[in-house]
Amino acid sequence: MSDVTRILNAIEQGDAKATDELLPLVYEELRLLAAQRLSHEPGGQTLQATALVHEAYLRLVEADCRNWNSRNHFFMAAAEAMRRILVENARRKRSQKGGGGRERVNLDELTLSITGPSEDLLAVSEALDKLAAEEPMVADLVKLHYFSGLTLDQVAQLRGIARRTAAKYLAYARAWLHHEVVGGERTGSRTV
């Protein structure tokens, strides 16, 4: 059992001191994931990797449901927390701007990369929520690859599947999200 898994088990058992031990063990890896994810955000992003890590970590350890059964499970939860923070940030910006022109959303072969405004991030996030209801494993792979910035090899290893299987799932997700995001657009102003 790794130190991270041992500490996660202690947190689940209610050991308040264990949360203080966890952050130093996972901080650098979480910060790297956050920096990778933020590098895909449009210019003018005010959220920094350190702030994203701290906010995600606080949400994770303060959550009522902290039943992480492994290091991998913890990082899945961290990826989801980062996604939610970025979506909330995008919604806040959208409400401040009151709309605006749409730009293209670019989803290359295996990487979901949003280059447009925060409205595009929201559209992809809503589509991803729909995908999660139908195909939770595929949606998890997208979250890890896109929102956490993990490579295809890292995603495959984390989920315990072959790299080729992960590539197929991500290709399927890209096509599914394209249909969901662009299919709802009558103007065709987005390219996924």
Protein backbone atom coordinates (compact mmCIF):
# COMPACT_ATOMS: atom_id res chain seq x y z
CA MET A 1 0.00 0.00 0.00
CA SER A 2 1.47 3.35 -0.99
CA ASP A 3 1.76 6.25 1.43
CA VAL A 4 -0.96 8.10 -0.47
CA THR A 5 -3.37 5.16 -0.22
CA ARG A 6 -2.57 4.72 3.49
CA ILE A 7 -3.25 8.41 4.14
CA LEU A 8 -6.45 8.31 2.08
CA ASN A 9 -7.66 5.39 4.20
CA ALA A 10 -6.84 7.35 7.36
CA ILE A 11 -8.80 10.35 6.04
CA GLU A 12 -11.75 8.10 5.31
CA GLN A 13 -11.58 6.85 8.91
CA GLY A 14 -11.82 10.45 10.13
CA ASP A 15 -8.18 11.15 10.99
CA ALA A 16 -7.97 14.96 10.74
CA LYS A 17 -4.16 14.94 10.84
CA ALA A 18 -4.03 12.76 7.72
CA THR A 19 -5.25 15.61 5.51
CA ASP A 20 -2.16 17.59 6.51
CA GLU A 21 0.06 14.66 5.48
CA LEU A 22 -1.62 14.19 2.10
CA LEU A 23 -0.96 17.56 0.49
CA PRO A 24 2.87 17.38 0.54
CA LEU A 25 2.74 13.94 -1.11
CA VAL A 26 0.44 14.92 -3.96
CA TYR A 27 1.05 18.67 -4.34
CA GLU A 28 3.66 18.63 -7.10
CA GLU A 29 1.72 16.16 -9.21
CA LEU A 30 -1.51 18.12 -8.76
CA ARG A 31 0.28 21.36 -9.61
CA LEU A 32 1.71 19.82 -12.78
CA LEU A 33 -1.74 18.61 -13.80
CA ALA A 34 -3.24 22.03 -13.13
CA ALA A 35 -0.50 23.80 -15.09
CA GLN A 36 -1.00 21.46 -18.04
CA ARG A 37 -4.73 22.06 -17.98
CA LEU A 38 -4.41 25.83 -17.69
CA SER A 39 -2.01 25.92 -20.63
CA HIS A 40 -5.02 25.02 -22.80
CA GLU A 41 -7.11 27.89 -21.52
CA PRO A 42 -7.57 31.04 -23.63
CA GLY A 43 -5.35 34.06 -23.02
CA GLY A 44 -6.20 36.38 -20.18
CA GLN A 45 -6.87 33.53 -17.78
CA THR A 46 -6.75 34.91 -14.26
CA LEU A 47 -6.74 31.55 -12.51
CA GLN A 48 -3.23 30.29 -11.72
CA ALA A 49 -2.17 26.65 -11.33
CA THR A 50 -1.42 27.11 -7.64
CA ALA A 51 -4.86 28.56 -6.98
CA LEU A 52 -6.51 25.77 -8.97
CA VAL A 53 -4.65 23.11 -6.97
CA HIS A 54 -5.47 24.74 -3.64
CA GLU A 55 -9.16 25.16 -4.48
CA ALA A 56 -9.44 21.59 -5.78
CA TYR A 57 -7.62 20.20 -2.74
CA LEU A 58 -9.84 22.13 -0.33
CA ARG A 59 -12.94 20.84 -2.06
CA LEU A 60 -11.65 17.30 -1.92
CA VAL A 61 -10.75 17.23 1.76
CA GLU A 62 -13.80 19.22 2.86
CA ALA A 63 -16.26 17.06 0.92
CA ASP A 64 -18.73 14.99 2.89
CA CYS A 65 -17.99 11.97 0.70
CA ARG A 66 -14.26 11.22 0.95
CA ASN A 67 -14.18 7.52 0.23
CA TRP A 68 -11.13 7.28 -2.01
CA ASN A 69 -9.98 3.70 -2.25
CA SER A 70 -6.68 4.34 -3.99
CA ARG A 71 -4.25 6.92 -5.29
CA ASN A 72 -5.84 6.61 -8.75
CA HIS A 73 -9.29 7.24 -7.32
CA PHE A 74 -8.02 10.35 -5.55
CA PHE A 75 -6.54 11.75 -8.77
CA MET A 76 -9.81 11.01 -10.61
CA ALA A 77 -11.61 13.03 -7.94
CA ALA A 78 -8.99 15.79 -8.27
CA ALA A 79 -9.50 15.90 -12.06
CA GLU A 80 -13.24 16.24 -11.55
CA ALA A 81 -12.76 18.97 -8.94
CA MET A 82 -10.49 20.92 -11.32
CA ARG A 83 -13.03 20.54 -14.11
CA ARG A 84 -15.81 21.90 -11.93
CA ILE A 85 -13.70 24.85 -10.80
CA LEU A 86 -12.84 25.76 -14.39
CA VAL A 87 -16.48 25.44 -15.43
CA GLU A 88 -17.60 27.64 -12.52
CA ASN A 89 -14.94 30.18 -13.48
CA ALA A 90 -16.17 30.14 -17.09
CA ARG A 91 -19.79 30.56 -16.00
CA ARG A 92 -18.84 33.49 -13.80
CA LYS A 93 -17.01 35.14 -16.70
CA ARG A 94 -19.92 34.51 -19.04
CA SER A 95 -22.38 36.08 -16.64
CA GLN A 96 -20.11 39.12 -16.35
CA LYS A 97 -19.74 39.48 -20.09
CA GLY A 98 -23.37 38.80 -20.95
CA GLY A 99 -22.59 36.70 -23.99
CA GLY A 100 -20.54 37.77 -26.96
CA GLY A 101 -19.41 36.29 -30.23
CA ARG A 102 -18.53 32.66 -30.43
CA GLU A 103 -15.21 31.35 -31.63
CA ARG A 104 -14.20 27.97 -32.93
CA VAL A 105 -13.65 25.10 -30.56
CA ASN A 106 -10.79 22.96 -31.77
CA LEU A 107 -10.73 19.28 -30.77
CA ASP A 108 -7.77 17.63 -32.45
CA GLU A 109 -7.37 13.90 -32.94
CA LEU A 110 -6.94 12.80 -29.34
CA THR A 111 -6.70 16.04 -27.43
CA LEU A 112 -9.69 18.12 -26.52
CA SER A 113 -8.40 21.66 -26.73
CA ILE A 114 -10.65 24.65 -26.29
CA THR A 115 -9.26 27.79 -27.80
CA GLY A 116 -12.43 29.82 -27.69
CA PRO A 117 -14.24 31.78 -25.01
CA SER A 118 -15.58 30.40 -21.77
CA GLU A 119 -18.98 29.74 -23.43
CA ASP A 120 -17.30 27.01 -25.47
CA LEU A 121 -15.92 25.42 -22.31
CA LEU A 122 -19.44 25.40 -20.90
CA ALA A 123 -20.87 23.78 -24.04
CA VAL A 124 -18.23 21.04 -23.92
CA SER A 125 -18.74 20.58 -20.17
CA GLU A 126 -22.51 20.19 -20.59
CA ALA A 127 -21.96 17.69 -23.40
CA LEU A 128 -19.44 15.86 -21.21
CA ASP A 129 -22.03 15.57 -18.43
CA LYS A 130 -24.42 13.94 -20.94
CA LEU A 131 -21.66 11.58 -22.07
CA ALA A 132 -20.96 10.66 -18.43
CA ALA A 133 -24.60 9.60 -18.01
CA GLU A 134 -24.30 7.26 -21.00
CA GLU A 135 -20.64 6.22 -20.96
CA PRO A 136 -19.02 6.98 -17.57
CA MET A 137 -15.69 5.29 -18.38
CA VAL A 138 -15.32 7.25 -21.62
CA ALA A 139 -16.21 10.51 -19.86
CA ASP A 140 -13.65 9.77 -17.14
CA LEU A 141 -10.96 9.32 -19.78
CA VAL A 142 -11.87 12.67 -21.34
CA LYS A 143 -11.74 14.39 -17.96
CA LEU A 144 -8.32 12.94 -17.20
CA HIS A 145 -6.92 13.68 -20.65
CA TYR A 146 -8.49 17.08 -21.26
CA PHE A 147 -9.14 18.65 -17.88
CA SER A 148 -6.12 17.19 -16.11
CA GLY A 149 -3.79 17.33 -19.09
CA LEU A 150 -2.61 13.74 -18.74
CA THR A 151 -1.06 12.06 -21.77
CA LEU A 152 -2.74 9.13 -23.45
CA ASP A 153 -0.24 6.74 -21.83
CA GLN A 154 -0.86 8.23 -18.38
CA VAL A 155 -4.64 7.98 -18.83
CA ALA A 156 -4.40 4.35 -19.93
CA GLN A 157 -2.15 3.46 -16.99
CA LEU A 158 -4.32 5.30 -14.47
CA ARG A 159 -7.49 3.53 -15.66
CA GLY A 160 -5.77 0.16 -16.04
CA ILE A 161 -6.53 -0.26 -19.74
CA ALA A 162 -4.43 -0.67 -22.85
CA ARG A 163 -3.19 2.48 -24.59
CA ARG A 164 -4.99 1.40 -27.76
CA THR A 165 -8.28 1.03 -25.87
CA ALA A 166 -7.84 4.48 -24.34
CA ALA A 167 -7.17 5.90 -27.82
CA LYS A 168 -10.36 4.28 -29.16
CA TYR A 169 -12.40 5.62 -26.25
CA LEU A 170 -11.03 9.12 -26.72
CA ALA A 171 -11.68 9.00 -30.47
CA TYR A 172 -15.24 7.91 -29.74
CA ALA A 173 -15.61 10.69 -27.17
CA ARG A 174 -14.31 13.27 -29.65
CA ALA A 175 -16.87 12.18 -32.24
CA TRP A 176 -19.65 12.06 -29.63
CA LEU A 177 -18.82 15.52 -28.27
CA HIS A 178 -18.54 16.90 -31.80
CA HIS A 179 -22.02 15.65 -32.58
CA GLU A 180 -23.39 16.95 -29.30
CA VAL A 181 -21.77 20.41 -29.43
CA VAL A 182 -21.93 21.12 -33.16
CA GLY A 183 -25.13 19.15 -33.75
CA GLY A 184 -27.04 21.60 -31.55
CA GLU A 185 -25.61 24.60 -33.42
CA ARG A 186 -27.69 25.69 -36.41
CA THR A 187 -25.13 28.26 -37.55
CA GLY A 188 -22.19 25.87 -37.62
CA SER A 189 -19.95 28.50 -36.04
CA ARG A 190 -18.01 25.88 -34.13
CA THR A 191 -15.59 23.31 -35.33
CA VAL A 192 -15.00 20.41 -33.02
